[in-house]
N, C-alpha and C. Protein backbone atom coordinates (compact mmCIF):
# COMPACT_ATOMS: atom_id res chain seq x y z
N MET A 1 -9.40 -16.34 8.04
CA MET A 1 -8.44 -15.30 8.38
C MET A 1 -8.16 -14.38 7.20
N LYS A 2 -7.94 -14.96 6.02
CA LYS A 2 -7.61 -14.10 4.89
C LYS A 2 -8.79 -13.25 4.47
N GLU A 3 -10.00 -13.65 4.84
CA GLU A 3 -11.18 -12.84 4.53
C GLU A 3 -11.08 -11.46 5.19
N SER A 4 -10.57 -11.42 6.40
CA SER A 4 -10.42 -10.13 7.09
C SER A 4 -9.33 -9.29 6.44
N LEU A 5 -8.29 -9.93 5.90
CA LEU A 5 -7.25 -9.19 5.18
C LEU A 5 -7.83 -8.52 3.94
N VAL A 6 -8.61 -9.30 3.19
CA VAL A 6 -9.23 -8.79 1.98
C VAL A 6 -10.19 -7.65 2.31
N LYS A 7 -10.97 -7.83 3.36
CA LYS A 7 -11.94 -6.80 3.76
C LYS A 7 -11.22 -5.50 4.12
N GLU A 8 -10.14 -5.58 4.88
CA GLU A 8 -9.40 -4.38 5.28
C GLU A 8 -8.70 -3.72 4.10
N LEU A 9 -8.18 -4.51 3.20
CA LEU A 9 -7.53 -3.94 2.02
C LEU A 9 -8.56 -3.19 1.17
N ARG A 10 -9.71 -3.81 0.95
CA ARG A 10 -10.76 -3.14 0.18
C ARG A 10 -11.21 -1.85 0.87
N ARG A 11 -11.36 -1.90 2.19
CA ARG A 11 -11.78 -0.72 2.95
C ARG A 11 -10.77 0.41 2.79
N SER A 12 -9.49 0.09 2.92
CA SER A 12 -8.47 1.14 2.87
C SER A 12 -8.40 1.78 1.49
N VAL A 13 -8.47 0.97 0.44
CA VAL A 13 -8.43 1.51 -0.93
C VAL A 13 -9.66 2.39 -1.17
N ALA A 14 -10.83 1.92 -0.78
CA ALA A 14 -12.07 2.69 -0.99
C ALA A 14 -12.04 3.98 -0.19
N ALA A 15 -11.56 3.94 1.04
CA ALA A 15 -11.51 5.15 1.87
C ALA A 15 -10.56 6.19 1.28
N PHE A 16 -9.39 5.73 0.84
CA PHE A 16 -8.45 6.66 0.22
C PHE A 16 -9.05 7.27 -1.05
N ASN A 17 -9.63 6.43 -1.89
CA ASN A 17 -10.21 6.92 -3.14
C ASN A 17 -11.34 7.91 -2.90
N ALA A 18 -12.12 7.70 -1.85
CA ALA A 18 -13.21 8.63 -1.52
C ALA A 18 -12.65 10.00 -1.15
N ILE A 19 -11.55 10.03 -0.46
CA ILE A 19 -10.91 11.30 -0.09
C ILE A 19 -10.46 12.03 -1.35
N ILE A 20 -9.80 11.32 -2.24
CA ILE A 20 -9.29 11.91 -3.48
C ILE A 20 -10.45 12.38 -4.36
N ALA A 21 -11.49 11.57 -4.46
CA ALA A 21 -12.63 11.91 -5.31
C ALA A 21 -13.32 13.18 -4.84
N GLY A 22 -13.23 13.48 -3.55
CA GLY A 22 -13.86 14.67 -2.99
C GLY A 22 -13.04 15.94 -3.11
N ALA A 23 -11.82 15.82 -3.62
CA ALA A 23 -10.93 16.98 -3.73
C ALA A 23 -11.18 17.74 -5.03
N ASP A 24 -11.10 19.06 -4.96
CA ASP A 24 -11.18 19.82 -6.21
C ASP A 24 -9.82 19.77 -6.89
N ALA A 25 -9.75 20.26 -8.12
CA ALA A 25 -8.53 20.17 -8.92
C ALA A 25 -7.34 20.86 -8.24
N GLU A 26 -7.61 22.02 -7.63
CA GLU A 26 -6.53 22.75 -6.98
C GLU A 26 -5.96 21.96 -5.80
N ALA A 27 -6.83 21.41 -4.97
CA ALA A 27 -6.37 20.63 -3.82
C ALA A 27 -5.66 19.36 -4.27
N PHE A 28 -6.09 18.76 -5.36
CA PHE A 28 -5.48 17.55 -5.90
C PHE A 28 -4.04 17.80 -6.34
N GLU A 29 -3.77 18.97 -6.88
CA GLU A 29 -2.46 19.28 -7.45
C GLU A 29 -1.52 20.04 -6.51
N ARG A 30 -2.04 20.63 -5.44
CA ARG A 30 -1.24 21.51 -4.60
C ARG A 30 -0.15 20.76 -3.83
N ASN A 31 1.07 21.29 -3.97
CA ASN A 31 2.21 20.81 -3.17
C ASN A 31 2.47 21.83 -2.08
N ALA A 32 2.76 21.35 -0.90
CA ALA A 32 3.12 22.24 0.21
C ALA A 32 4.61 22.04 0.49
N GLY A 33 5.42 22.95 -0.02
CA GLY A 33 6.86 22.82 0.17
C GLY A 33 7.37 21.60 -0.56
N GLU A 34 8.06 20.73 0.16
CA GLU A 34 8.59 19.51 -0.44
C GLU A 34 7.65 18.33 -0.27
N LYS A 35 6.46 18.58 0.26
CA LYS A 35 5.48 17.51 0.46
C LYS A 35 4.80 17.19 -0.86
N TRP A 36 4.36 15.94 -0.99
CA TRP A 36 3.66 15.52 -2.19
C TRP A 36 2.26 16.13 -2.22
N SER A 37 1.73 16.28 -3.42
CA SER A 37 0.34 16.68 -3.58
C SER A 37 -0.54 15.46 -3.33
N ALA A 38 -1.85 15.67 -3.21
CA ALA A 38 -2.78 14.55 -3.06
C ALA A 38 -2.69 13.63 -4.26
N GLY A 39 -2.53 14.19 -5.44
CA GLY A 39 -2.38 13.38 -6.65
C GLY A 39 -1.12 12.54 -6.62
N GLN A 40 -0.05 13.10 -6.09
CA GLN A 40 1.19 12.34 -5.99
C GLN A 40 1.08 11.22 -4.96
N ASP A 41 0.33 11.46 -3.88
CA ASP A 41 0.08 10.37 -2.92
C ASP A 41 -0.65 9.23 -3.63
N LEU A 42 -1.63 9.57 -4.45
CA LEU A 42 -2.37 8.55 -5.20
C LEU A 42 -1.45 7.80 -6.16
N GLN A 43 -0.63 8.53 -6.89
CA GLN A 43 0.29 7.87 -7.83
C GLN A 43 1.26 6.96 -7.08
N HIS A 44 1.73 7.41 -5.92
CA HIS A 44 2.63 6.60 -5.09
C HIS A 44 1.96 5.28 -4.69
N LEU A 45 0.70 5.35 -4.27
CA LEU A 45 -0.02 4.14 -3.88
C LEU A 45 -0.24 3.21 -5.07
N VAL A 46 -0.48 3.77 -6.24
CA VAL A 46 -0.64 2.96 -7.45
C VAL A 46 0.68 2.25 -7.76
N LYS A 47 1.78 2.97 -7.70
CA LYS A 47 3.10 2.36 -7.96
C LYS A 47 3.37 1.22 -6.97
N THR A 48 3.03 1.46 -5.72
CA THR A 48 3.24 0.45 -4.69
C THR A 48 2.42 -0.80 -4.96
N LEU A 49 1.14 -0.62 -5.25
CA LEU A 49 0.27 -1.77 -5.51
C LEU A 49 0.68 -2.53 -6.77
N ARG A 50 1.21 -1.84 -7.76
CA ARG A 50 1.70 -2.54 -8.97
C ARG A 50 2.80 -3.52 -8.61
N VAL A 51 3.75 -3.07 -7.82
CA VAL A 51 4.88 -3.92 -7.44
C VAL A 51 4.41 -5.08 -6.55
N ILE A 52 3.55 -4.79 -5.60
CA ILE A 52 3.07 -5.84 -4.71
C ILE A 52 2.26 -6.87 -5.49
N ASN A 53 1.42 -6.41 -6.41
CA ASN A 53 0.67 -7.34 -7.24
C ASN A 53 1.59 -8.23 -8.06
N TYR A 54 2.65 -7.65 -8.58
CA TYR A 54 3.62 -8.43 -9.34
C TYR A 54 4.21 -9.53 -8.46
N ALA A 55 4.59 -9.17 -7.25
CA ALA A 55 5.20 -10.15 -6.34
C ALA A 55 4.22 -11.26 -5.99
N TYR A 56 2.95 -10.94 -5.77
CA TYR A 56 1.94 -11.94 -5.43
C TYR A 56 1.57 -12.82 -6.62
N ALA A 57 1.94 -12.39 -7.82
CA ALA A 57 1.68 -13.19 -9.02
C ALA A 57 2.79 -14.20 -9.29
N LEU A 58 3.93 -14.03 -8.65
CA LEU A 58 5.05 -14.94 -8.87
C LEU A 58 4.74 -16.32 -8.30
N PRO A 59 5.27 -17.36 -8.93
CA PRO A 59 5.13 -18.69 -8.33
C PRO A 59 5.79 -18.70 -6.94
N LEU A 60 5.17 -19.40 -6.01
CA LEU A 60 5.66 -19.39 -4.63
C LEU A 60 7.09 -19.90 -4.51
N PHE A 61 7.48 -20.84 -5.38
CA PHE A 61 8.85 -21.35 -5.27
C PHE A 61 9.87 -20.26 -5.59
N ILE A 62 9.50 -19.29 -6.42
CA ILE A 62 10.39 -18.16 -6.72
C ILE A 62 10.57 -17.31 -5.47
N LEU A 63 9.46 -17.05 -4.77
CA LEU A 63 9.56 -16.28 -3.52
C LEU A 63 10.45 -17.01 -2.51
N ARG A 64 10.28 -18.32 -2.43
CA ARG A 64 11.08 -19.11 -1.49
C ARG A 64 12.56 -19.05 -1.86
N LEU A 65 12.87 -19.20 -3.15
CA LEU A 65 14.27 -19.15 -3.60
C LEU A 65 14.88 -17.77 -3.37
N ARG A 66 14.10 -16.75 -3.63
CA ARG A 66 14.61 -15.38 -3.56
C ARG A 66 14.68 -14.84 -2.12
N TYR A 67 13.64 -15.12 -1.31
CA TYR A 67 13.54 -14.48 0.01
C TYR A 67 13.48 -15.47 1.18
N GLY A 68 13.48 -16.75 0.88
CA GLY A 68 13.45 -17.75 1.93
C GLY A 68 12.05 -17.97 2.48
N LYS A 69 11.97 -18.91 3.40
CA LYS A 69 10.70 -19.18 4.09
C LYS A 69 10.75 -18.51 5.46
N SER A 70 9.58 -18.20 5.96
CA SER A 70 9.50 -17.56 7.26
C SER A 70 9.86 -18.54 8.36
N GLY A 71 10.63 -18.07 9.30
CA GLY A 71 10.98 -18.88 10.46
C GLY A 71 10.13 -18.53 11.68
N TRP A 72 9.07 -17.80 11.47
CA TRP A 72 8.20 -17.38 12.56
C TRP A 72 6.76 -17.35 12.07
N ASP A 73 5.85 -17.32 13.02
CA ASP A 73 4.45 -17.11 12.67
C ASP A 73 4.27 -15.64 12.29
N SER A 74 3.33 -15.37 11.42
CA SER A 74 3.05 -13.98 11.07
C SER A 74 2.69 -13.21 12.33
N ARG A 75 3.23 -12.03 12.44
CA ARG A 75 2.94 -11.18 13.59
C ARG A 75 1.55 -10.59 13.43
N ASP A 76 0.92 -10.25 14.55
CA ASP A 76 -0.45 -9.72 14.49
C ASP A 76 -0.46 -8.26 14.07
N VAL A 77 -1.64 -7.77 13.78
CA VAL A 77 -1.84 -6.42 13.27
C VAL A 77 -1.27 -5.38 14.23
N VAL A 78 -1.48 -5.56 15.51
CA VAL A 78 -1.03 -4.57 16.50
C VAL A 78 0.50 -4.44 16.46
N LEU A 79 1.20 -5.55 16.44
CA LEU A 79 2.67 -5.51 16.42
C LEU A 79 3.18 -4.93 15.09
N ILE A 80 2.58 -5.34 14.00
CA ILE A 80 2.99 -4.81 12.69
C ILE A 80 2.76 -3.30 12.66
N GLU A 81 1.61 -2.84 13.16
CA GLU A 81 1.33 -1.41 13.17
C GLU A 81 2.33 -0.65 14.03
N GLN A 82 2.71 -1.21 15.18
CA GLN A 82 3.71 -0.56 16.04
C GLN A 82 5.04 -0.43 15.31
N LYS A 83 5.46 -1.51 14.67
CA LYS A 83 6.73 -1.50 13.94
C LYS A 83 6.69 -0.51 12.77
N TYR A 84 5.56 -0.47 12.07
CA TYR A 84 5.40 0.44 10.94
C TYR A 84 5.46 1.89 11.41
N LYS A 85 4.73 2.22 12.46
CA LYS A 85 4.72 3.59 12.97
C LYS A 85 6.10 4.01 13.48
N LYS A 86 6.81 3.08 14.10
CA LYS A 86 8.15 3.36 14.59
C LYS A 86 9.08 3.67 13.41
N ALA A 87 8.96 2.88 12.35
CA ALA A 87 9.78 3.11 11.15
C ALA A 87 9.44 4.45 10.51
N MET A 88 8.16 4.80 10.46
CA MET A 88 7.73 6.08 9.87
C MET A 88 8.23 7.26 10.71
N ALA A 89 8.29 7.07 12.02
CA ALA A 89 8.74 8.13 12.91
C ALA A 89 10.23 8.46 12.73
N THR A 90 10.98 7.54 12.14
CA THR A 90 12.41 7.77 11.92
C THR A 90 12.65 8.62 10.67
N GLY A 91 11.58 8.98 9.97
CA GLY A 91 11.73 9.78 8.76
C GLY A 91 11.91 8.94 7.51
N MET A 92 11.43 7.73 7.55
CA MET A 92 11.52 6.83 6.40
C MET A 92 10.99 7.50 5.14
N LYS A 93 11.75 7.42 4.08
CA LYS A 93 11.35 7.99 2.79
C LYS A 93 11.09 6.85 1.81
N ALA A 94 10.22 7.11 0.85
CA ALA A 94 9.89 6.12 -0.16
C ALA A 94 11.12 5.83 -1.02
N PRO A 95 11.36 4.55 -1.34
CA PRO A 95 12.43 4.22 -2.28
C PRO A 95 12.17 4.91 -3.63
N ALA A 96 13.22 5.18 -4.36
CA ALA A 96 13.13 5.96 -5.60
C ALA A 96 12.08 5.43 -6.57
N ALA A 97 11.95 4.12 -6.67
CA ALA A 97 10.99 3.53 -7.61
C ALA A 97 9.55 3.89 -7.28
N PHE A 98 9.29 4.30 -6.05
CA PHE A 98 7.93 4.60 -5.61
C PHE A 98 7.65 6.10 -5.48
N VAL A 99 8.64 6.92 -5.79
CA VAL A 99 8.46 8.37 -5.72
C VAL A 99 7.66 8.82 -6.94
N PRO A 100 6.57 9.55 -6.70
CA PRO A 100 5.73 9.98 -7.83
C PRO A 100 6.33 11.12 -8.61
N GLY A 101 5.86 11.24 -9.84
CA GLY A 101 6.22 12.39 -10.67
C GLY A 101 5.17 13.47 -10.49
N ILE A 102 5.14 14.41 -11.41
CA ILE A 102 4.14 15.47 -11.39
C ILE A 102 2.81 14.86 -11.82
N VAL A 103 1.75 15.15 -11.07
CA VAL A 103 0.43 14.59 -11.36
C VAL A 103 -0.56 15.74 -11.51
N GLY A 104 -1.21 15.78 -12.66
CA GLY A 104 -2.21 16.81 -12.93
C GLY A 104 -3.61 16.31 -12.63
N ALA A 105 -4.52 17.24 -12.46
CA ALA A 105 -5.91 16.90 -12.15
C ALA A 105 -6.54 16.06 -13.25
N GLY A 106 -6.08 16.21 -14.47
CA GLY A 106 -6.62 15.42 -15.57
C GLY A 106 -6.31 13.93 -15.46
N GLU A 107 -5.38 13.58 -14.61
CA GLU A 107 -5.00 12.17 -14.42
C GLU A 107 -5.78 11.50 -13.28
N ARG A 108 -6.53 12.30 -12.54
CA ARG A 108 -7.18 11.79 -11.34
C ARG A 108 -8.07 10.57 -11.61
N ASP A 109 -8.99 10.66 -12.54
CA ASP A 109 -9.93 9.56 -12.76
C ASP A 109 -9.22 8.28 -13.17
N ALA A 110 -8.23 8.40 -14.03
CA ALA A 110 -7.49 7.21 -14.46
C ALA A 110 -6.71 6.59 -13.30
N LEU A 111 -6.09 7.44 -12.49
CA LEU A 111 -5.34 6.93 -11.33
C LEU A 111 -6.27 6.30 -10.29
N LEU A 112 -7.42 6.92 -10.05
CA LEU A 112 -8.39 6.34 -9.12
C LEU A 112 -8.85 4.96 -9.61
N ALA A 113 -9.15 4.86 -10.90
CA ALA A 113 -9.59 3.58 -11.47
C ALA A 113 -8.48 2.54 -11.37
N GLU A 114 -7.24 2.97 -11.63
CA GLU A 114 -6.11 2.04 -11.54
C GLU A 114 -5.88 1.58 -10.09
N HIS A 115 -6.01 2.50 -9.15
CA HIS A 115 -5.84 2.15 -7.74
C HIS A 115 -6.88 1.12 -7.32
N LEU A 116 -8.12 1.35 -7.71
CA LEU A 116 -9.19 0.41 -7.39
C LEU A 116 -8.96 -0.94 -8.07
N ARG A 117 -8.57 -0.91 -9.34
CA ARG A 117 -8.33 -2.14 -10.10
C ARG A 117 -7.19 -2.96 -9.47
N LEU A 118 -6.11 -2.29 -9.11
CA LEU A 118 -4.98 -2.99 -8.50
C LEU A 118 -5.33 -3.54 -7.12
N GLY A 119 -6.11 -2.78 -6.36
CA GLY A 119 -6.56 -3.26 -5.06
C GLY A 119 -7.41 -4.51 -5.19
N GLU A 120 -8.32 -4.51 -6.16
CA GLU A 120 -9.17 -5.68 -6.39
C GLU A 120 -8.36 -6.87 -6.90
N ARG A 121 -7.39 -6.60 -7.75
CA ARG A 121 -6.53 -7.68 -8.25
C ARG A 121 -5.78 -8.33 -7.09
N MET A 122 -5.28 -7.50 -6.19
CA MET A 122 -4.57 -8.04 -5.04
C MET A 122 -5.51 -8.87 -4.16
N CYS A 123 -6.72 -8.38 -3.97
CA CYS A 123 -7.70 -9.14 -3.18
C CYS A 123 -7.98 -10.51 -3.80
N ARG A 124 -8.13 -10.56 -5.11
CA ARG A 124 -8.36 -11.85 -5.78
C ARG A 124 -7.17 -12.78 -5.62
N ARG A 125 -5.97 -12.22 -5.66
CA ARG A 125 -4.77 -13.05 -5.49
C ARG A 125 -4.70 -13.60 -4.07
N ILE A 126 -5.04 -12.78 -3.11
CA ILE A 126 -5.04 -13.22 -1.71
C ILE A 126 -6.06 -14.34 -1.52
N GLU A 127 -7.24 -14.17 -2.10
CA GLU A 127 -8.30 -15.17 -1.95
C GLU A 127 -7.90 -16.53 -2.52
N LYS A 128 -7.03 -16.54 -3.51
CA LYS A 128 -6.58 -17.79 -4.13
C LYS A 128 -5.47 -18.49 -3.34
N MET A 129 -4.84 -17.76 -2.43
CA MET A 129 -3.73 -18.32 -1.66
C MET A 129 -4.23 -18.99 -0.40
N SER A 130 -3.49 -19.96 0.07
CA SER A 130 -3.84 -20.61 1.33
C SER A 130 -3.32 -19.77 2.49
N ASP A 131 -3.95 -19.94 3.64
CA ASP A 131 -3.45 -19.25 4.84
C ASP A 131 -2.02 -19.71 5.15
N ARG A 132 -1.75 -20.96 4.89
CA ARG A 132 -0.40 -21.49 5.13
C ARG A 132 0.63 -20.75 4.28
N ALA A 133 0.32 -20.53 3.00
CA ALA A 133 1.24 -19.82 2.12
C ALA A 133 1.44 -18.38 2.58
N LEU A 134 0.38 -17.75 3.04
CA LEU A 134 0.48 -16.36 3.50
C LEU A 134 1.43 -16.24 4.70
N ASP A 135 1.53 -17.30 5.48
CA ASP A 135 2.40 -17.28 6.66
C ASP A 135 3.80 -17.87 6.39
N LYS A 136 3.96 -18.57 5.31
CA LYS A 136 5.21 -19.28 5.02
C LYS A 136 6.18 -18.46 4.17
N TYR A 137 5.66 -17.78 3.16
CA TYR A 137 6.51 -17.10 2.19
C TYR A 137 6.70 -15.64 2.55
N ARG A 138 7.84 -15.10 2.09
CA ARG A 138 8.20 -13.74 2.50
C ARG A 138 8.48 -12.84 1.31
N LEU A 139 8.42 -11.55 1.59
CA LEU A 139 8.79 -10.50 0.65
C LEU A 139 9.59 -9.45 1.41
N PRO A 140 10.40 -8.66 0.69
CA PRO A 140 11.11 -7.58 1.37
C PRO A 140 10.23 -6.34 1.51
N HIS A 141 10.31 -5.70 2.65
CA HIS A 141 9.63 -4.42 2.87
C HIS A 141 10.73 -3.39 3.13
N PRO A 142 10.63 -2.20 2.52
CA PRO A 142 11.72 -1.22 2.65
C PRO A 142 11.99 -0.74 4.08
N ALA A 143 11.01 -0.80 4.95
CA ALA A 143 11.21 -0.33 6.33
C ALA A 143 11.39 -1.46 7.33
N LEU A 144 10.78 -2.61 7.08
CA LEU A 144 10.77 -3.68 8.07
C LEU A 144 11.55 -4.93 7.66
N GLY A 145 12.20 -4.90 6.53
CA GLY A 145 12.96 -6.07 6.09
C GLY A 145 12.02 -7.15 5.55
N LYS A 146 12.41 -8.40 5.69
CA LYS A 146 11.59 -9.49 5.17
C LYS A 146 10.37 -9.70 6.08
N VAL A 147 9.21 -9.74 5.43
CA VAL A 147 7.95 -9.96 6.14
C VAL A 147 7.18 -11.06 5.42
N THR A 148 6.27 -11.70 6.12
CA THR A 148 5.46 -12.73 5.47
C THR A 148 4.46 -12.07 4.51
N LEU A 149 3.91 -12.87 3.63
CA LEU A 149 2.90 -12.34 2.70
C LEU A 149 1.72 -11.75 3.47
N ARG A 150 1.32 -12.39 4.56
CA ARG A 150 0.22 -11.86 5.39
C ARG A 150 0.60 -10.50 5.97
N GLU A 151 1.82 -10.40 6.48
CA GLU A 151 2.28 -9.13 7.06
C GLU A 151 2.35 -8.03 5.99
N MET A 152 2.73 -8.40 4.77
CA MET A 152 2.79 -7.41 3.69
C MET A 152 1.40 -6.88 3.36
N ILE A 153 0.39 -7.73 3.43
CA ILE A 153 -0.98 -7.27 3.20
C ILE A 153 -1.38 -6.27 4.28
N ILE A 154 -1.07 -6.60 5.51
CA ILE A 154 -1.36 -5.69 6.63
C ILE A 154 -0.63 -4.36 6.41
N LEU A 155 0.64 -4.44 6.04
CA LEU A 155 1.41 -3.22 5.80
C LEU A 155 0.84 -2.42 4.63
N THR A 156 0.30 -3.10 3.65
CA THR A 156 -0.29 -2.40 2.50
C THR A 156 -1.49 -1.58 2.92
N TRP A 157 -2.38 -2.15 3.74
CA TRP A 157 -3.53 -1.34 4.15
C TRP A 157 -3.13 -0.28 5.16
N LEU A 158 -2.15 -0.56 6.02
CA LEU A 158 -1.68 0.47 6.95
C LEU A 158 -1.04 1.63 6.19
N HIS A 159 -0.29 1.31 5.16
CA HIS A 159 0.34 2.31 4.31
C HIS A 159 -0.72 3.16 3.61
N THR A 160 -1.75 2.52 3.10
CA THR A 160 -2.84 3.24 2.44
C THR A 160 -3.56 4.13 3.44
N ASP A 161 -3.82 3.62 4.64
CA ASP A 161 -4.46 4.43 5.68
C ASP A 161 -3.59 5.62 6.08
N HIS A 162 -2.28 5.39 6.16
CA HIS A 162 -1.33 6.47 6.49
C HIS A 162 -1.44 7.59 5.46
N HIS A 163 -1.45 7.23 4.19
CA HIS A 163 -1.57 8.24 3.14
C HIS A 163 -2.96 8.88 3.13
N ALA A 164 -3.97 8.13 3.51
CA ALA A 164 -5.32 8.70 3.58
C ALA A 164 -5.38 9.82 4.63
N GLU A 165 -4.78 9.58 5.79
CA GLU A 165 -4.75 10.60 6.84
C GLU A 165 -4.01 11.85 6.37
N ILE A 166 -2.87 11.65 5.77
CA ILE A 166 -2.06 12.78 5.28
C ILE A 166 -2.82 13.54 4.19
N THR A 167 -3.39 12.80 3.26
CA THR A 167 -4.09 13.41 2.12
C THR A 167 -5.32 14.17 2.58
N LYS A 168 -6.04 13.61 3.53
CA LYS A 168 -7.22 14.29 4.05
C LYS A 168 -6.84 15.64 4.64
N ARG A 169 -5.76 15.69 5.40
CA ARG A 169 -5.30 16.96 5.97
C ARG A 169 -4.90 17.94 4.88
N LYS A 170 -4.21 17.44 3.85
CA LYS A 170 -3.80 18.32 2.73
C LYS A 170 -5.02 18.95 2.07
N ILE A 171 -6.02 18.14 1.82
CA ILE A 171 -7.22 18.63 1.13
C ILE A 171 -8.00 19.60 2.01
N GLU A 172 -8.11 19.29 3.30
CA GLU A 172 -8.83 20.18 4.22
C GLU A 172 -8.14 21.52 4.36
N ASN A 173 -6.81 21.53 4.25
CA ASN A 173 -6.03 22.76 4.42
C ASN A 173 -5.79 23.48 3.10
N ALA A 174 -6.35 22.97 2.02
CA ALA A 174 -6.12 23.58 0.69
C ALA A 174 -6.85 24.90 0.56
């Protein structure tokens, strides 16, 4: 089961990075009104993966003490996606810690490398965990509350895919 999680996470990171890599400097930096630039979307995803990686590196007993154990089986991808899309439709905004700063085209290669590195680190952490642990321990999600570690992985790739769709449109319209 966790093999499919790892595969989807790798796919989403690679797909997003391919979109960014194909953008010229102007498209990478362009902001449309109050919307983030493609570079800021990338920085946002890097910030997100840093925090998630940190959480997955904690000893499991810390997660249990801090967030409790799950009282349910992990929900499937379809249900998680429905809940995520519903939360996004309400106008959910990124928490302040995940809001990007100004990102210049000169930062693109370093941010792409960091995004890939963090995605791979997360995949290695997932591979070391048991399926039982992925379903037992929880983390807080800003839109959905406490979710299992498995659900957080699903949300991570859905979040990356969400930004990929947005970023692709930004670059095409640049």
